[in-house]
Amino acid sequence: MLGWNASVQDFELYAPGVPNDFVVTRGDGFLVAVDEESIWHSEG
């Protein structure tokens, strides 16, 4: 997943299996790579 870091105006990579502490909040932009078509149902 690529998350936008507004403070440095660049994307940050979040990879599976790599410890990352981040929260996706309402209004955040991100890109997610998938290996098949699907529908994402977020929590809440």
PDB file of N, CA and C in Angstrom:
ATOM      1  N   MET A   1       0.842  -1.164   0.000  1.00  0.00           N
ATOM      2  CA  MET A   1       0.000   0.000   0.000  1.00  0.00           C
ATOM      3  C   MET A   1       0.886   1.226   0.000  1.00  0.00           C
ATOM      4  N   LEU A   2       0.511   2.208  -0.751  1.00  0.00           N
ATOM      5  CA  LEU A   2       1.184   3.493  -0.733  1.00  0.00           C
ATOM      6  C   LEU A   2       0.295   4.501  -0.026  1.00  0.00           C
ATOM      7  N   GLY A   3       0.834   5.147   0.978  1.00  0.00           N
ATOM      8  CA  GLY A   3       0.097   6.175   1.695  1.00  0.00           C
ATOM      9  C   GLY A   3       0.726   7.527   1.454  1.00  0.00           C
ATOM     10  N   TRP A   4      -0.073   8.550   1.320  1.00  0.00           N
ATOM     11  CA  TRP A   4       0.419   9.903   1.061  1.00  0.00           C
ATOM     12  C   TRP A   4       0.826  10.549   2.377  1.00  0.00           C
ATOM     13  N   ASN A   5       2.073  11.036   2.444  1.00  0.00           N
ATOM     14  CA  ASN A   5       2.568  11.771   3.598  1.00  0.00           C
ATOM     15  C   ASN A   5       2.545  13.247   3.239  1.00  0.00           C
ATOM     16  N   ALA A   6       1.545  13.960   3.723  1.00  0.00           N
ATOM     17  CA  ALA A   6       1.373  15.361   3.354  1.00  0.00           C
ATOM     18  C   ALA A   6       2.497  16.249   3.867  1.00  0.00           C
ATOM     19  N   SER A   7       3.108  15.891   4.993  1.00  0.00           N
ATOM     20  CA  SER A   7       4.155  16.749   5.553  1.00  0.00           C
ATOM     21  C   SER A   7       5.411  16.767   4.693  1.00  0.00           C
ATOM     22  N   VAL A   8       5.711  15.672   3.981  1.00  0.00           N
ATOM     23  CA  VAL A   8       6.885  15.642   3.099  1.00  0.00           C
ATOM     24  C   VAL A   8       6.494  15.646   1.622  1.00  0.00           C
ATOM     25  N   GLN A   9       5.157  15.661   1.353  1.00  0.00           N
ATOM     26  CA  GLN A   9       4.636  15.683  -0.016  1.00  0.00           C
ATOM     27  C   GLN A   9       5.173  14.525  -0.858  1.00  0.00           C
ATOM     28  N   ASP A  10       5.086  13.308  -0.303  1.00  0.00           N
ATOM     29  CA  ASP A  10       5.572  12.116  -0.994  1.00  0.00           C
ATOM     30  C   ASP A  10       4.816  10.897  -0.470  1.00  0.00           C
ATOM     31  N   PHE A  11       4.867   9.802  -1.234  1.00  0.00           N
ATOM     32  CA  PHE A  11       4.242   8.555  -0.818  1.00  0.00           C
ATOM     33  C   PHE A  11       5.179   7.767   0.089  1.00  0.00           C
ATOM     34  N   GLU A  12       4.592   7.002   1.019  1.00  0.00           N
ATOM     35  CA  GLU A  12       5.334   6.079   1.862  1.00  0.00           C
ATOM     36  C   GLU A  12       4.795   4.685   1.598  1.00  0.00           C
ATOM     37  N   LEU A  13       5.695   3.693   1.542  1.00  0.00           N
ATOM     38  CA  LEU A  13       5.322   2.315   1.249  1.00  0.00           C
ATOM     39  C   LEU A  13       5.040   1.563   2.537  1.00  0.00           C
ATOM     40  N   TYR A  14       3.905   0.856   2.566  1.00  0.00           N
ATOM     41  CA  TYR A  14       3.562  -0.029   3.659  1.00  0.00           C
ATOM     42  C   TYR A  14       3.439  -1.428   3.061  1.00  0.00           C
ATOM     43  N   ALA A  15       4.350  -2.328   3.437  1.00  0.00           N
ATOM     44  CA  ALA A  15       4.398  -3.659   2.836  1.00  0.00           C
ATOM     45  C   ALA A  15       3.942  -4.725   3.824  1.00  0.00           C
ATOM     46  N   PRO A  16       3.262  -5.783   3.352  1.00  0.00           N
ATOM     47  CA  PRO A  16       2.836  -6.876   4.230  1.00  0.00           C
ATOM     48  C   PRO A  16       4.046  -7.508   4.922  1.00  0.00           C
ATOM     49  N   GLY A  17       3.903  -7.808   6.203  1.00  0.00           N
ATOM     50  CA  GLY A  17       4.954  -8.463   6.948  1.00  0.00           C
ATOM     51  C   GLY A  17       6.009  -7.523   7.497  1.00  0.00           C
ATOM     52  N   VAL A  18       5.949  -6.255   7.132  1.00  0.00           N
ATOM     53  CA  VAL A  18       6.910  -5.276   7.623  1.00  0.00           C
ATOM     54  C   VAL A  18       6.206  -4.464   8.702  1.00  0.00           C
ATOM     55  N   PRO A  19       6.814  -4.402   9.900  1.00  0.00           N
ATOM     56  CA  PRO A  19       6.146  -3.651  10.973  1.00  0.00           C
ATOM     57  C   PRO A  19       5.981  -2.174  10.618  1.00  0.00           C
ATOM     58  N   ASN A  20       4.752  -1.728  10.536  1.00  0.00           N
ATOM     59  CA  ASN A  20       4.431  -0.324  10.258  1.00  0.00           C
ATOM     60  C   ASN A  20       3.321   0.095  11.202  1.00  0.00           C
ATOM     61  N   ASP A  21       3.495   1.215  11.846  1.00  0.00           N
ATOM     62  CA  ASP A  21       2.437   1.762  12.683  1.00  0.00           C
ATOM     63  C   ASP A  21       1.823   2.939  11.959  1.00  0.00           C
ATOM     64  N   PHE A  22       0.632   2.760  11.424  1.00  0.00           N
ATOM     65  CA  PHE A  22      -0.053   3.839  10.743  1.00  0.00           C
ATOM     66  C   PHE A  22      -1.545   3.619  10.838  1.00  0.00           C
ATOM     67  N   VAL A  23      -2.279   4.690  10.724  1.00  0.00           N
ATOM     68  CA  VAL A  23      -3.738   4.656  10.771  1.00  0.00           C
ATOM     69  C   VAL A  23      -4.261   5.326   9.518  1.00  0.00           C
ATOM     70  N   VAL A  24      -5.179   4.681   8.836  1.00  0.00           N
ATOM     71  CA  VAL A  24      -5.848   5.293   7.692  1.00  0.00           C
ATOM     72  C   VAL A  24      -7.102   5.951   8.235  1.00  0.00           C
ATOM     73  N   THR A  25      -7.190   7.260   8.077  1.00  0.00           N
ATOM     74  CA  THR A  25      -8.335   7.989   8.596  1.00  0.00           C
ATOM     75  C   THR A  25      -9.163   8.559   7.449  1.00  0.00           C
ATOM     76  N   ARG A  26     -10.377   8.941   7.755  1.00  0.00           N
ATOM     77  CA  ARG A  26     -11.289   9.490   6.753  1.00  0.00           C
ATOM     78  C   ARG A  26     -10.611  10.655   6.036  1.00  0.00           C
ATOM     79  N   GLY A  27     -10.627  10.620   4.707  1.00  0.00           N
ATOM     80  CA  GLY A  27     -10.032  11.683   3.909  1.00  0.00           C
ATOM     81  C   GLY A  27      -8.603  11.409   3.471  1.00  0.00           C
ATOM     82  N   ASP A  28      -7.950  10.373   4.038  1.00  0.00           N
ATOM     83  CA  ASP A  28      -6.596  10.016   3.621  1.00  0.00           C
ATOM     84  C   ASP A  28      -6.629   9.377   2.240  1.00  0.00           C
ATOM     85  N   GLY A  29      -5.606   9.609   1.461  1.00  0.00           N
ATOM     86  CA  GLY A  29      -5.485   8.962   0.161  1.00  0.00           C
ATOM     87  C   GLY A  29      -4.471   7.840   0.222  1.00  0.00           C
ATOM     88  N   PHE A  30      -4.740   6.749  -0.482  1.00  0.00           N
ATOM     89  CA  PHE A  30      -3.790   5.646  -0.543  1.00  0.00           C
ATOM     90  C   PHE A  30      -4.058   4.798  -1.772  1.00  0.00           C
ATOM     91  N   LEU A  31      -3.047   4.053  -2.194  1.00  0.00           N
ATOM     92  CA  LEU A  31      -3.146   3.113  -3.314  1.00  0.00           C
ATOM     93  C   LEU A  31      -2.898   1.717  -2.763  1.00  0.00           C
ATOM     94  N   VAL A  32      -3.669   0.745  -3.234  1.00  0.00           N
ATOM     95  CA  VAL A  32      -3.520  -0.634  -2.779  1.00  0.00           C
ATOM     96  C   VAL A  32      -3.358  -1.526  -3.998  1.00  0.00           C
ATOM     97  N   ALA A  33      -2.326  -2.376  -3.999  1.00  0.00           N
ATOM     98  CA  ALA A  33      -2.127  -3.340  -5.082  1.00  0.00           C
ATOM     99  C   ALA A  33      -2.826  -4.648  -4.711  1.00  0.00           C
ATOM    100  N   VAL A  34      -3.608  -5.185  -5.640  1.00  0.00           N
ATOM    101  CA  VAL A  34      -4.309  -6.451  -5.417  1.00  0.00           C
ATOM    102  C   VAL A  34      -3.987  -7.413  -6.557  1.00  0.00           C
ATOM    103  N   ASP A  35      -4.154  -8.712  -6.282  1.00  0.00           N
ATOM    104  CA  ASP A  35      -3.862  -9.694  -7.330  1.00  0.00           C
ATOM    105  C   ASP A  35      -5.126 -10.238  -7.993  1.00  0.00           C
ATOM    106  N   GLU A  36      -6.296  -9.774  -7.542  1.00  0.00           N
ATOM    107  CA  GLU A  36      -7.548 -10.118  -8.208  1.00  0.00           C
ATOM    108  C   GLU A  36      -8.587  -9.051  -7.882  1.00  0.00           C
ATOM    109  N   GLU A  37      -9.591  -8.934  -8.744  1.00  0.00           N
ATOM    110  CA  GLU A  37     -10.634  -7.937  -8.543  1.00  0.00           C
ATOM    111  C   GLU A  37     -11.440  -8.264  -7.296  1.00  0.00           C
ATOM    112  N   SER A  38     -11.732  -7.266  -6.494  1.00  0.00           N
ATOM    113  CA  SER A  38     -12.496  -7.485  -5.276  1.00  0.00           C
ATOM    114  C   SER A  38     -13.138  -6.172  -4.820  1.00  0.00           C
ATOM    115  N   ILE A  39     -13.992  -6.277  -3.818  1.00  0.00           N
ATOM    116  CA  ILE A  39     -14.615  -5.104  -3.190  1.00  0.00           C
ATOM    117  C   ILE A  39     -14.126  -5.048  -1.753  1.00  0.00           C
ATOM    118  N   TRP A  40     -13.599  -3.895  -1.360  1.00  0.00           N
ATOM    119  CA  TRP A  40     -13.090  -3.743   0.002  1.00  0.00           C
ATOM    120  C   TRP A  40     -14.169  -3.145   0.880  1.00  0.00           C
ATOM    121  N   HIS A  41     -14.484  -3.845   1.964  1.00  0.00           N
ATOM    122  CA  HIS A  41     -15.449  -3.363   2.947  1.00  0.00           C
ATOM    123  C   HIS A  41     -14.661  -2.963   4.185  1.00  0.00           C
ATOM    124  N   SER A  42     -14.545  -1.683   4.413  1.00  0.00           N
ATOM    125  CA  SER A  42     -13.751  -1.213   5.553  1.00  0.00           C
ATOM    126  C   SER A  42     -14.482  -1.447   6.861  1.00  0.00           C
ATOM    127  N   GLU A  43     -13.722  -1.342   7.936  1.00  0.00           N
ATOM    128  CA  GLU A  43     -14.316  -1.471   9.262  1.00  0.00           C
ATOM    129  C   GLU A  43     -15.113  -0.211   9.567  1.00  0.00           C
ATOM    130  N   GLY A  44     -16.207  -0.378  10.309  1.00  0.00           N
ATOM    131  CA  GLY A  44     -16.985   0.777  10.749  1.00  0.00           C
ATOM    132  C   GLY A  44     -17.858   1.256   9.690  1.00  0.00           C
TER     133      GLY A  44
END
